[in-house]
């Protein structure tokens, strides 16, 4: 009788827990990514982030402020050259401490300092496969690993360590096809807070200290004199800008392409002497240059060689 009573207590004690587990099945990899995207946009958080790329390690203080649909990201270098980088809606400002100079880019090519993400993860299921990995600790927090593997040879595989409590990305790695790490971003510590103040860029500096770049209007692709052929699946034109120098043969076009995770910049300009054609490799960045007619076309990005070659050779005249 006593044994039966003890067994009954055990069953009654654990019954709610078992019920919760049955009612709350584990979310899949795509849902993890969707929750991460939402958390990155809406939470206030700060910490220290290490960026590793091209055998260079940069450690910076990071913060993300969000309020009523507005966001601001900040990076503050901890080593020389001392600088602060601030992302507001549609622009990135870089404030250099030594020269007291502000450089403003009005057409940033990414939406986050930590990781680029597509707006619709489901739309990329034909080119990427999402899968769940094991759990690991990052910055003394429990994280779930999400694998993002390409289904073709036009993009690299990557892994994301997502915080199990707040769904923020704690670590991101991009690999080449040999499994070597090309890029890594990792929080060494992170704090989630209720509020973080927005800052005014260079409030102690005058306008004469500010330089603006890429202050160009976007040009609709259909209104240009060139077209894109054989564009790898998933890649789309994010924007096209043109530097008009008064001579159509010397105008410089910049196309920015992305599939959400991977991106490629394409430059179309007048043919120049002494430019090395073909493939160039600089760390994780591959570029390919060729001449079509009297125009020099270069595609570059953190993507495989095949990607930049196919994209560059697919830029043709209408």
C-alpha atoms as a PDB file:
ATOM      1  CA  UNK A   1       0.000   0.000   0.000  1.00  0.00           C
ATOM      2  CA  UNK A   2       2.794   2.422   0.921  1.00  0.00           C
ATOM      3  CA  UNK A   3       4.628   1.670  -2.337  1.00  0.00           C
ATOM      4  CA  UNK A   4       1.470   2.274  -4.350  1.00  0.00           C
ATOM      5  CA  UNK A   5       0.898   5.594  -2.519  1.00  0.00           C
ATOM      6  CA  UNK A   6       4.450   6.733  -3.292  1.00  0.00           C
ATOM      7  CA  UNK A   7       4.042   5.768  -6.947  1.00  0.00           C
ATOM      8  CA  UNK A   8       0.783   7.739  -7.123  1.00  0.00           C
ATOM      9  CA  UNK A   9       2.519  10.834  -5.707  1.00  0.00           C
ATOM     10  CA  UNK A  10       5.261  10.572  -8.320  1.00  0.00           C
ATOM     11  CA  UNK A  11       2.746  10.280 -11.155  1.00  0.00           C
ATOM     12  CA  UNK A  12       0.658  13.208  -9.865  1.00  0.00           C
ATOM     13  CA  UNK A  13       3.784  15.364  -9.318  1.00  0.00           C
ATOM     14  CA  UNK A  14       5.132  14.892 -12.846  1.00  0.00           C
ATOM     15  CA  UNK A  15       1.800  14.865 -14.685  1.00  0.00           C
ATOM     16  CA  UNK A  16       1.713  18.648 -15.365  1.00  0.00           C
ATOM     17  CA  UNK A  17       5.233  18.559 -16.725  1.00  0.00           C
ATOM     18  CA  UNK A  18       4.424  15.708 -19.067  1.00  0.00           C
ATOM     19  CA  UNK A  19       1.313  17.549 -20.186  1.00  0.00           C
ATOM     20  CA  UNK A  20       3.323  20.655 -21.039  1.00  0.00           C
ATOM     21  CA  UNK A  21       5.783  18.669 -23.066  1.00  0.00           C
ATOM     22  CA  UNK A  22       2.992  17.062 -25.034  1.00  0.00           C
ATOM     23  CA  UNK A  23       1.288  20.406 -25.705  1.00  0.00           C
ATOM     24  CA  UNK A  24       4.500  22.238 -26.690  1.00  0.00           C
ATOM     25  CA  UNK A  25       6.347  20.286 -29.404  1.00  0.00           C
ATOM     26  CA  UNK A  26       9.837  21.436 -30.300  1.00  0.00           C
ATOM     27  CA  UNK A  27       9.911  24.192 -32.889  1.00  0.00           C
ATOM     28  CA  UNK A  28      11.683  23.468 -36.171  1.00  0.00           C
ATOM     29  CA  UNK A  29      14.777  25.155 -37.580  1.00  0.00           C
ATOM     30  CA  UNK A  30      12.856  27.650 -39.703  1.00  0.00           C
ATOM     31  CA  UNK A  31      10.807  28.731 -36.688  1.00  0.00           C
ATOM     32  CA  UNK A  32      14.019  29.250 -34.711  1.00  0.00           C
ATOM     33  CA  UNK A  33      15.246  31.562 -37.467  1.00  0.00           C
ATOM     34  CA  UNK A  34      11.960  33.475 -37.600  1.00  0.00           C
ATOM     35  CA  UNK A  35      11.999  33.995 -33.832  1.00  0.00           C
ATOM     36  CA  UNK A  36      15.627  35.133 -34.054  1.00  0.00           C
ATOM     37  CA  UNK A  37      14.797  37.695 -36.747  1.00  0.00           C
ATOM     38  CA  UNK A  38      11.975  39.128 -34.636  1.00  0.00           C
ATOM     39  CA  UNK A  39      14.123  39.232 -31.491  1.00  0.00           C
ATOM     40  CA  UNK A  40      16.929  41.053 -33.307  1.00  0.00           C
ATOM     41  CA  UNK A  41      14.488  43.774 -34.403  1.00  0.00           C
ATOM     42  CA  UNK A  42      12.569  44.297 -31.161  1.00  0.00           C
ATOM     43  CA  UNK A  43      14.858  43.647 -28.182  1.00  0.00           C
ATOM     44  CA  UNK A  44      17.297  45.990 -26.449  1.00  0.00           C
ATOM     45  CA  UNK A  45      20.618  44.262 -25.890  1.00  0.00           C
ATOM     46  CA  UNK A  46      24.336  44.983 -25.573  1.00  0.00           C
ATOM     47  CA  UNK A  47      27.610  43.161 -25.141  1.00  0.00           C
ATOM     48  CA  UNK A  48      31.063  42.502 -26.549  1.00  0.00           C
ATOM     49  CA  UNK A  49      31.398  40.993 -30.022  1.00  0.00           C
ATOM     50  CA  UNK A  50      34.434  39.464 -31.725  1.00  0.00           C
ATOM     51  CA  UNK A  51      34.578  39.626 -35.537  1.00  0.00           C
ATOM     52  CA  UNK A  52      36.966  37.266 -37.328  1.00  0.00           C
ATOM     53  CA  UNK A  53      37.563  37.594 -41.060  1.00  0.00           C
ATOM     54  CA  UNK A  54      40.582  37.346 -43.372  1.00  0.00           C
ATOM     55  CA  UNK A  55      42.834  36.327 -40.458  1.00  0.00           C
ATOM     56  CA  UNK A  56      41.934  39.571 -38.649  1.00  0.00           C
ATOM     57  CA  UNK A  57      40.235  39.716 -35.247  1.00  0.00           C
ATOM     58  CA  UNK A  58      38.303  42.833 -34.183  1.00  0.00           C
ATOM     59  CA  UNK A  59      36.655  43.062 -30.773  1.00  0.00           C
ATOM     60  CA  UNK A  60      33.990  45.723 -30.312  1.00  0.00           C
ATOM     61  CA  UNK A  61      31.319  46.843 -27.903  1.00  0.00           C
ATOM     62  CA  UNK A  62      27.868  46.330 -29.414  1.00  0.00           C
ATOM     63  CA  UNK A  63      24.413  47.651 -28.603  1.00  0.00           C
ATOM     64  CA  UNK A  64      20.984  47.472 -30.221  1.00  0.00           C
ATOM     65  CA  UNK A  65      18.216  49.915 -29.285  1.00  0.00           C
ATOM     66  CA  UNK A  66      14.591  49.473 -30.327  1.00  0.00           C
ATOM     67  CA  UNK A  67      11.608  51.728 -29.641  1.00  0.00           C
ATOM     68  CA  UNK A  68       8.259  52.070 -31.401  1.00  0.00           C
ATOM     69  CA  UNK A  69       9.466  50.442 -34.605  1.00  0.00           C
ATOM     70  CA  UNK A  70      12.752  52.375 -34.754  1.00  0.00           C
ATOM     71  CA  UNK A  71      16.144  50.714 -34.357  1.00  0.00           C
ATOM     72  CA  UNK A  72      19.737  51.775 -33.842  1.00  0.00           C
ATOM     73  CA  UNK A  73      22.853  49.595 -33.811  1.00  0.00           C
ATOM     74  CA  UNK A  74      26.203  50.740 -32.412  1.00  0.00           C
ATOM     75  CA  UNK A  75      29.706  49.338 -32.560  1.00  0.00           C
ATOM     76  CA  UNK A  76      32.531  50.882 -30.522  1.00  0.00           C
ATOM     77  CA  UNK A  77      36.055  49.657 -31.227  1.00  0.00           C
ATOM     78  CA  UNK A  78      38.167  48.491 -28.298  1.00  0.00           C
ATOM     79  CA  UNK A  79      41.416  48.651 -30.274  1.00  0.00           C
ATOM     80  CA  UNK A  80      43.001  51.038 -32.782  1.00  0.00           C
ATOM     81  CA  UNK A  81      41.851  52.593 -34.979  1.00  0.00           C
ATOM     82  CA  UNK A  82      39.365  53.961 -32.427  1.00  0.00           C
ATOM     83  CA  UNK A  83      35.989  54.490 -34.061  1.00  0.00           C
ATOM     84  CA  UNK A  84      32.270  54.251 -33.478  1.00  0.00           C
ATOM     85  CA  UNK A  85      29.907  52.870 -36.121  1.00  0.00           C
ATOM     86  CA  UNK A  86      26.199  53.654 -35.867  1.00  0.00           C
ATOM     87  CA  UNK A  87      23.421  52.232 -38.013  1.00  0.00           C
ATOM     88  CA  UNK A  88      20.175  54.149 -38.275  1.00  0.00           C
ATOM     89  CA  UNK A  89      17.372  53.684 -40.791  1.00  0.00           C
ATOM     90  CA  UNK A  90      18.941  53.714 -44.242  1.00  0.00           C
ATOM     91  CA  UNK A  91      22.413  54.904 -43.291  1.00  0.00           C
ATOM     92  CA  UNK A  92      25.604  53.983 -41.452  1.00  0.00           C
ATOM     93  CA  UNK A  93      27.789  56.612 -39.783  1.00  0.00           C
ATOM     94  CA  UNK A  94      31.411  55.979 -38.841  1.00  0.00           C
ATOM     95  CA  UNK A  95      32.940  58.429 -36.332  1.00  0.00           C
ATOM     96  CA  UNK A  96      36.757  58.404 -36.131  1.00  0.00           C
ATOM     97  CA  UNK A  97      38.038  59.559 -32.763  1.00  0.00           C
ATOM     98  CA  UNK A  98      41.523  60.673 -33.833  1.00  0.00           C
ATOM     99  CA  UNK A  99      40.604  62.704 -36.923  1.00  0.00           C
ATOM    100  CA  UNK A 100      37.201  63.851 -35.570  1.00  0.00           C
ATOM    101  CA  UNK A 101      35.748  62.863 -38.939  1.00  0.00           C
ATOM    102  CA  UNK A 102      32.342  61.371 -39.723  1.00  0.00           C
ATOM    103  CA  UNK A 103      31.765  59.225 -42.818  1.00  0.00           C
ATOM    104  CA  UNK A 104      28.107  58.623 -43.683  1.00  0.00           C
ATOM    105  CA  UNK A 105      27.049  55.850 -46.067  1.00  0.00           C
ATOM    106  CA  UNK A 106      23.496  56.470 -47.229  1.00  0.00           C
ATOM    107  CA  UNK A 107      23.068  53.111 -48.920  1.00  0.00           C
ATOM    108  CA  UNK A 108      24.331  50.367 -46.603  1.00  0.00           C
ATOM    109  CA  UNK A 109      24.536  46.920 -48.148  1.00  0.00           C
ATOM    110  CA  UNK A 110      23.440  44.962 -45.077  1.00  0.00           C
ATOM    111  CA  UNK A 111      20.763  45.317 -42.403  1.00  0.00           C
ATOM    112  CA  UNK A 112      22.714  44.122 -39.365  1.00  0.00           C
ATOM    113  CA  UNK A 113      26.268  44.205 -38.063  1.00  0.00           C
ATOM    114  CA  UNK A 114      25.831  40.662 -36.709  1.00  0.00           C
ATOM    115  CA  UNK A 115      24.190  38.705 -39.525  1.00  0.00           C
ATOM    116  CA  UNK A 116      22.332  39.227 -42.799  1.00  0.00           C
ATOM    117  CA  UNK A 117      18.912  37.597 -42.911  1.00  0.00           C
ATOM    118  CA  UNK A 118      16.221  37.211 -45.586  1.00  0.00           C
ATOM    119  CA  UNK A 119      12.778  38.681 -45.012  1.00  0.00           C
ATOM    120  CA  UNK A 120      11.148  35.351 -45.923  1.00  0.00           C
ATOM    121  CA  UNK A 121      12.942  32.173 -44.873  1.00  0.00           C
ATOM    122  CA  UNK A 122      10.388  29.919 -46.586  1.00  0.00           C
ATOM    123  CA  UNK A 123      11.119  31.515 -49.964  1.00  0.00           C
ATOM    124  CA  UNK A 124      14.703  30.224 -49.835  1.00  0.00           C
ATOM    125  CA  UNK A 125      13.897  26.561 -49.218  1.00  0.00           C
ATOM    126  CA  UNK A 126      14.760  25.797 -52.837  1.00  0.00           C
ATOM    127  CA  UNK A 127      18.364  26.968 -52.305  1.00  0.00           C
ATOM    128  CA  UNK A 128      18.981  26.396 -48.573  1.00  0.00           C
ATOM    129  CA  UNK A 129      18.151  23.602 -46.158  1.00  0.00           C
ATOM    130  CA  UNK A 130      17.552  24.469 -42.486  1.00  0.00           C
ATOM    131  CA  UNK A 131      18.158  21.858 -39.796  1.00  0.00           C
ATOM    132  CA  UNK A 132      18.492  21.636 -36.017  1.00  0.00           C
ATOM    133  CA  UNK A 133      21.801  20.885 -34.345  1.00  0.00           C
ATOM    134  CA  UNK A 134      22.807  20.206 -30.778  1.00  0.00           C
ATOM    135  CA  UNK A 135      22.927  22.610 -27.835  1.00  0.00           C
ATOM    136  CA  UNK A 136      26.098  24.430 -26.792  1.00  0.00           C
ATOM    137  CA  UNK A 137      27.038  27.295 -24.480  1.00  0.00           C
ATOM    138  CA  UNK A 138      28.080  30.653 -25.911  1.00  0.00           C
ATOM    139  CA  UNK A 139      28.863  33.652 -23.673  1.00  0.00           C
ATOM    140  CA  UNK A 140      27.768  31.465 -20.751  1.00  0.00           C
ATOM    141  CA  UNK A 141      24.297  31.119 -22.250  1.00  0.00           C
ATOM    142  CA  UNK A 142      22.559  28.033 -23.587  1.00  0.00           C
ATOM    143  CA  UNK A 143      22.196  28.099 -27.366  1.00  0.00           C
ATOM    144  CA  UNK A 144      20.721  25.877 -30.078  1.00  0.00           C
ATOM    145  CA  UNK A 145      22.722  25.368 -33.267  1.00  0.00           C
ATOM    146  CA  UNK A 146      20.910  25.903 -36.576  1.00  0.00           C
ATOM    147  CA  UNK A 147      22.515  24.585 -39.774  1.00  0.00           C
ATOM    148  CA  UNK A 148      21.930  26.503 -43.015  1.00  0.00           C
ATOM    149  CA  UNK A 149      23.227  24.343 -45.841  1.00  0.00           C
ATOM    150  CA  UNK A 150      23.122  25.336 -49.529  1.00  0.00           C
ATOM    151  CA  UNK A 151      21.456  23.061 -52.051  1.00  0.00           C
ATOM    152  CA  UNK A 152      23.736  24.234 -54.880  1.00  0.00           C
ATOM    153  CA  UNK A 153      27.299  25.493 -55.432  1.00  0.00           C
ATOM    154  CA  UNK A 154      26.441  29.202 -55.500  1.00  0.00           C
ATOM    155  CA  UNK A 155      26.537  29.881 -51.734  1.00  0.00           C
ATOM    156  CA  UNK A 156      28.390  28.777 -48.625  1.00  0.00           C
ATOM    157  CA  UNK A 157      27.113  26.783 -45.635  1.00  0.00           C
ATOM    158  CA  UNK A 158      26.772  28.489 -42.262  1.00  0.00           C
ATOM    159  CA  UNK A 159      25.808  27.826 -38.651  1.00  0.00           C
ATOM    160  CA  UNK A 160      24.018  30.039 -36.156  1.00  0.00           C
ATOM    161  CA  UNK A 161      24.013  29.575 -32.386  1.00  0.00           C
ATOM    162  CA  UNK A 162      20.656  30.991 -31.158  1.00  0.00           C
ATOM    163  CA  UNK A 163      20.011  31.864 -27.519  1.00  0.00           C
ATOM    164  CA  UNK A 164      17.378  29.496 -26.115  1.00  0.00           C
ATOM    165  CA  UNK A 165      15.743  32.109 -23.895  1.00  0.00           C
ATOM    166  CA  UNK A 166      15.721  35.298 -25.973  1.00  0.00           C
ATOM    167  CA  UNK A 167      16.337  33.851 -29.482  1.00  0.00           C
ATOM    168  CA  UNK A 168      19.209  36.247 -30.229  1.00  0.00           C
ATOM    169  CA  UNK A 169      22.153  35.097 -32.382  1.00  0.00           C
ATOM    170  CA  UNK A 170      25.115  34.475 -30.084  1.00  0.00           C
ATOM    171  CA  UNK A 171      27.505  33.132 -32.722  1.00  0.00           C
ATOM    172  CA  UNK A 172      27.620  32.916 -36.518  1.00  0.00           C
ATOM    173  CA  UNK A 173      30.078  31.025 -38.719  1.00  0.00           C
ATOM    174  CA  UNK A 174      30.392  30.821 -42.511  1.00  0.00           C
ATOM    175  CA  UNK A 175      32.404  27.967 -44.063  1.00  0.00           C
ATOM    176  CA  UNK A 176      33.910  27.206 -47.437  1.00  0.00           C
ATOM    177  CA  UNK A 177      33.237  23.852 -49.082  1.00  0.00           C
ATOM    178  CA  UNK A 178      36.306  22.368 -47.349  1.00  0.00           C
ATOM    179  CA  UNK A 179      34.831  23.143 -43.934  1.00  0.00           C
ATOM    180  CA  UNK A 180      37.232  26.001 -43.141  1.00  0.00           C
ATOM    181  CA  UNK A 181      35.813  28.989 -41.271  1.00  0.00           C
ATOM    182  CA  UNK A 182      35.706  32.048 -43.550  1.00  0.00           C
ATOM    183  CA  UNK A 183      33.922  34.412 -41.165  1.00  0.00           C
ATOM    184  CA  UNK A 184      32.957  34.278 -37.517  1.00  0.00           C
ATOM    185  CA  UNK A 185      30.969  36.633 -35.296  1.00  0.00           C
ATOM    186  CA  UNK A 186      30.615  35.707 -31.614  1.00  0.00           C
ATOM    187  CA  UNK A 187      29.356  37.431 -28.480  1.00  0.00           C
ATOM    188  CA  UNK A 188      31.765  37.019 -25.584  1.00  0.00           C
ATOM    189  CA  UNK A 189      29.148  38.526 -23.265  1.00  0.00           C
ATOM    190  CA  UNK A 190      25.621  39.808 -23.780  1.00  0.00           C
ATOM    191  CA  UNK A 191      22.955  41.499 -21.654  1.00  0.00           C
ATOM    192  CA  UNK A 192      19.286  41.965 -22.499  1.00  0.00           C
ATOM    193  CA  UNK A 193      17.842  45.128 -20.967  1.00  0.00           C
ATOM    194  CA  UNK A 194      14.492  46.926 -20.899  1.00  0.00           C
ATOM    195  CA  UNK A 195      15.643  50.101 -22.674  1.00  0.00           C
ATOM    196  CA  UNK A 196      18.724  51.536 -24.368  1.00  0.00           C
ATOM    197  CA  UNK A 197      18.981  55.182 -25.342  1.00  0.00           C
ATOM    198  CA  UNK A 198      19.424  56.222 -28.960  1.00  0.00           C
ATOM    199  CA  UNK A 199      22.485  58.404 -29.566  1.00  0.00           C
ATOM    200  CA  UNK A 200      22.970  61.455 -31.766  1.00  0.00           C
ATOM    201  CA  UNK A 201      25.768  60.873 -34.255  1.00  0.00           C
ATOM    202  CA  UNK A 202      28.709  63.233 -33.792  1.00  0.00           C
ATOM    203  CA  UNK A 203      26.750  65.741 -31.708  1.00  0.00           C
ATOM    204  CA  UNK A 204      29.996  67.426 -30.631  1.00  0.00           C
ATOM    205  CA  UNK A 205      31.279  67.736 -34.212  1.00  0.00           C
ATOM    206  CA  UNK A 206      30.233  70.245 -36.853  1.00  0.00           C
ATOM    207  CA  UNK A 207      28.818  69.522 -40.300  1.00  0.00           C
ATOM    208  CA  UNK A 208      32.172  70.464 -41.809  1.00  0.00           C
ATOM    209  CA  UNK A 209      33.568  67.248 -40.314  1.00  0.00           C
ATOM    210  CA  UNK A 210      31.039  65.069 -42.140  1.00  0.00           C
ATOM    211  CA  UNK A 211      31.608  63.381 -45.500  1.00  0.00           C
ATOM    212  CA  UNK A 212      28.801  61.631 -47.379  1.00  0.00           C
ATOM    213  CA  UNK A 213      29.227  58.648 -49.696  1.00  0.00           C
ATOM    214  CA  UNK A 214      26.782  56.734 -51.891  1.00  0.00           C
ATOM    215  CA  UNK A 215      24.341  59.640 -51.756  1.00  0.00           C
ATOM    216  CA  UNK A 216      22.869  58.382 -55.014  1.00  0.00           C
ATOM    217  CA  UNK A 217      19.333  57.669 -56.097  1.00  0.00           C
ATOM    218  CA  UNK A 218      18.511  54.108 -57.039  1.00  0.00           C
ATOM    219  CA  UNK A 219      18.024  53.419 -60.747  1.00  0.00           C
ATOM    220  CA  UNK A 220      15.314  50.905 -61.757  1.00  0.00           C
ATOM    221  CA  UNK A 221      16.985  47.952 -63.482  1.00  0.00           C
ATOM    222  CA  UNK A 222      14.510  48.143 -66.369  1.00  0.00           C
ATOM    223  CA  UNK A 223      15.695  51.694 -67.128  1.00  0.00           C
ATOM    224  CA  UNK A 224      19.356  50.729 -67.511  1.00  0.00           C
ATOM    225  CA  UNK A 225      21.064  49.752 -70.763  1.00  0.00           C
ATOM    226  CA  UNK A 226      22.113  46.309 -69.533  1.00  0.00           C
ATOM    227  CA  UNK A 227      20.490  43.127 -68.326  1.00  0.00           C
ATOM    228  CA  UNK A 228      21.300  40.182 -66.045  1.00  0.00           C
ATOM    229  CA  UNK A 229      21.330  36.667 -67.453  1.00  0.00           C
ATOM    230  CA  UNK A 230      21.843  33.310 -65.705  1.00  0.00           C
ATOM    231  CA  UNK A 231      21.391  34.854 -62.250  1.00  0.00           C
ATOM    232  CA  UNK A 232      21.701  32.042 -59.666  1.00  0.00           C
ATOM    233  CA  UNK A 233      18.392  31.066 -58.074  1.00  0.00           C
ATOM    234  CA  UNK A 234      17.495  33.048 -54.969  1.00  0.00           C
ATOM    235  CA  UNK A 235      19.591  36.108 -55.805  1.00  0.00           C
ATOM    236  CA  UNK A 236      17.671  39.317 -56.425  1.00  0.00           C
ATOM    237  CA  UNK A 237      18.641  42.897 -57.257  1.00  0.00           C
ATOM    238  CA  UNK A 238      18.472  44.963 -54.054  1.00  0.00           C
ATOM    239  CA  UNK A 239      19.436  48.236 -55.717  1.00  0.00           C
ATOM    240  CA  UNK A 240      21.224  49.743 -58.715  1.00  0.00           C
ATOM    241  CA  UNK A 241      23.018  53.088 -58.465  1.00  0.00           C
ATOM    242  CA  UNK A 242      24.766  55.062 -61.202  1.00  0.00           C
ATOM    243  CA  UNK A 243      27.519  57.684 -61.061  1.00  0.00           C
ATOM    244  CA  UNK A 244      26.741  59.909 -64.026  1.00  0.00           C
ATOM    245  CA  UNK A 245      29.899  61.673 -65.242  1.00  0.00           C
ATOM    246  CA  UNK A 246      28.249  63.253 -68.272  1.00  0.00           C
ATOM    247  CA  UNK A 247      29.535  60.634 -70.709  1.00  0.00           C
ATOM    248  CA  UNK A 248      27.395  57.498 -70.935  1.00  0.00           C
ATOM    249  CA  UNK A 249      30.451  55.450 -71.896  1.00  0.00           C
ATOM    250  CA  UNK A 250      32.129  56.401 -68.612  1.00  0.00           C
ATOM    251  CA  UNK A 251      29.193  56.086 -66.223  1.00  0.00           C
ATOM    252  CA  UNK A 252      29.767  53.709 -63.293  1.00  0.00           C
ATOM    253  CA  UNK A 253      26.949  51.337 -62.335  1.00  0.00           C
ATOM    254  CA  UNK A 254      26.805  49.490 -59.019  1.00  0.00           C
ATOM    255  CA  UNK A 255      24.427  46.560 -58.631  1.00  0.00           C
ATOM    256  CA  UNK A 256      23.899  44.985 -55.240  1.00  0.00           C
ATOM    257  CA  UNK A 257      22.507  41.441 -55.297  1.00  0.00           C
ATOM    258  CA  UNK A 258      21.483  39.254 -52.376  1.00  0.00           C
ATOM    259  CA  UNK A 259      19.685  36.033 -51.551  1.00  0.00           C
ATOM    260  CA  UNK A 260      19.170  37.200 -47.963  1.00  0.00           C
ATOM    261  CA  UNK A 261      22.173  35.432 -46.457  1.00  0.00           C
ATOM    262  CA  UNK A 262      24.782  35.929 -49.222  1.00  0.00           C
ATOM    263  CA  UNK A 263      25.448  39.082 -51.244  1.00  0.00           C
ATOM    264  CA  UNK A 264      27.382  40.164 -54.340  1.00  0.00           C
ATOM    265  CA  UNK A 265      28.351  43.633 -55.591  1.00  0.00           C
ATOM    266  CA  UNK A 266      28.684  44.159 -59.335  1.00  0.00           C
ATOM    267  CA  UNK A 267      30.515  47.153 -60.846  1.00  0.00           C
ATOM    268  CA  UNK A 268      30.086  48.063 -64.510  1.00  0.00           C
ATOM    269  CA  UNK A 269      32.415  50.797 -65.739  1.00  0.00           C
ATOM    270  CA  UNK A 270      34.625  51.908 -68.615  1.00  0.00           C
ATOM    271  CA  UNK A 271      37.446  49.542 -69.521  1.00  0.00           C
ATOM    272  CA  UNK A 272      40.657  50.565 -67.762  1.00  0.00           C
ATOM    273  CA  UNK A 273      44.246  49.745 -68.670  1.00  0.00           C
ATOM    274  CA  UNK A 274      46.302  47.498 -66.427  1.00  0.00           C
ATOM    275  CA  UNK A 275      43.344  45.863 -64.697  1.00  0.00           C
ATOM    276  CA  UNK A 276      43.863  42.170 -64.056  1.00  0.00           C
ATOM    277  CA  UNK A 277      41.083  40.135 -65.594  1.00  0.00           C
ATOM    278  CA  UNK A 278      39.729  36.850 -64.342  1.00  0.00           C
ATOM    279  CA  UNK A 279      39.599  35.604 -60.768  1.00  0.00           C
ATOM    280  CA  UNK A 280      40.996  37.466 -57.762  1.00  0.00           C
ATOM    281  CA  UNK A 281      40.933  36.162 -54.179  1.00  0.00           C
ATOM    282  CA  UNK A 282      41.319  38.349 -51.097  1.00  0.00           C
ATOM    283  CA  UNK A 283      40.693  36.332 -47.964  1.00  0.00           C
ATOM    284  CA  UNK A 284      37.046  35.304 -47.952  1.00  0.00           C
ATOM    285  CA  UNK A 285      36.174  37.640 -50.846  1.00  0.00           C
ATOM    286  CA  UNK A 286      36.200  36.291 -54.393  1.00  0.00           C
ATOM    287  CA  UNK A 287      35.996  38.607 -57.398  1.00  0.00           C
ATOM    288  CA  UNK A 288      35.829  38.033 -61.134  1.00  0.00           C
ATOM    289  CA  UNK A 289      36.485  40.690 -63.814  1.00  0.00           C
ATOM    290  CA  UNK A 290      35.910  40.486 -67.548  1.00  0.00           C
ATOM    291  CA  UNK A 291      35.318  42.863 -70.441  1.00  0.00           C
ATOM    292  CA  UNK A 292      32.072  42.912 -72.425  1.00  0.00           C
ATOM    293  CA  UNK A 293      32.151  45.343 -75.350  1.00  0.00           C
ATOM    294  CA  UNK A 294      33.859  48.443 -74.009  1.00  0.00           C
ATOM    295  CA  UNK A 295      32.695  47.870 -70.437  1.00  0.00           C
ATOM    296  CA  UNK A 296      34.627  46.320 -67.574  1.00  0.00           C
ATOM    297  CA  UNK A 297      32.471  44.206 -65.274  1.00  0.00           C
ATOM    298  CA  UNK A 298      33.523  43.029 -61.817  1.00  0.00           C
ATOM    299  CA  UNK A 299      31.488  40.886 -59.416  1.00  0.00           C
ATOM    300  CA  UNK A 300      32.713  40.376 -55.839  1.00  0.00           C
ATOM    301  CA  UNK A 301      31.467  38.994 -52.557  1.00  0.00           C
ATOM    302  CA  UNK A 302      31.807  36.412 -49.784  1.00  0.00           C
ATOM    303  CA  UNK A 303      30.520  33.735 -52.138  1.00  0.00           C
ATOM    304  CA  UNK A 304      32.055  30.868 -54.137  1.00  0.00           C
ATOM    305  CA  UNK A 305      34.128  31.489 -57.277  1.00  0.00           C
ATOM    306  CA  UNK A 306      31.408  30.025 -59.482  1.00  0.00           C
ATOM    307  CA  UNK A 307      28.914  32.617 -58.205  1.00  0.00           C
ATOM    308  CA  UNK A 308      30.934  35.740 -59.043  1.00  0.00           C
ATOM    309  CA  UNK A 309      31.967  34.291 -62.409  1.00  0.00           C
ATOM    310  CA  UNK A 310      28.410  33.413 -63.492  1.00  0.00           C
ATOM    311  CA  UNK A 311      27.032  36.769 -62.326  1.00  0.00           C
ATOM    312  CA  UNK A 312      29.784  38.860 -63.951  1.00  0.00           C
ATOM    313  CA  UNK A 313      29.527  37.019 -67.261  1.00  0.00           C
ATOM    314  CA  UNK A 314      25.739  37.359 -67.170  1.00  0.00           C
ATOM    315  CA  UNK A 315      25.811  41.177 -67.369  1.00  0.00           C
ATOM    316  CA  UNK A 316      25.080  41.943 -71.018  1.00  0.00           C
ATOM    317  CA  UNK A 317      23.827  44.893 -73.055  1.00  0.00           C
ATOM    318  CA  UNK A 318      20.151  45.210 -73.924  1.00  0.00           C
END
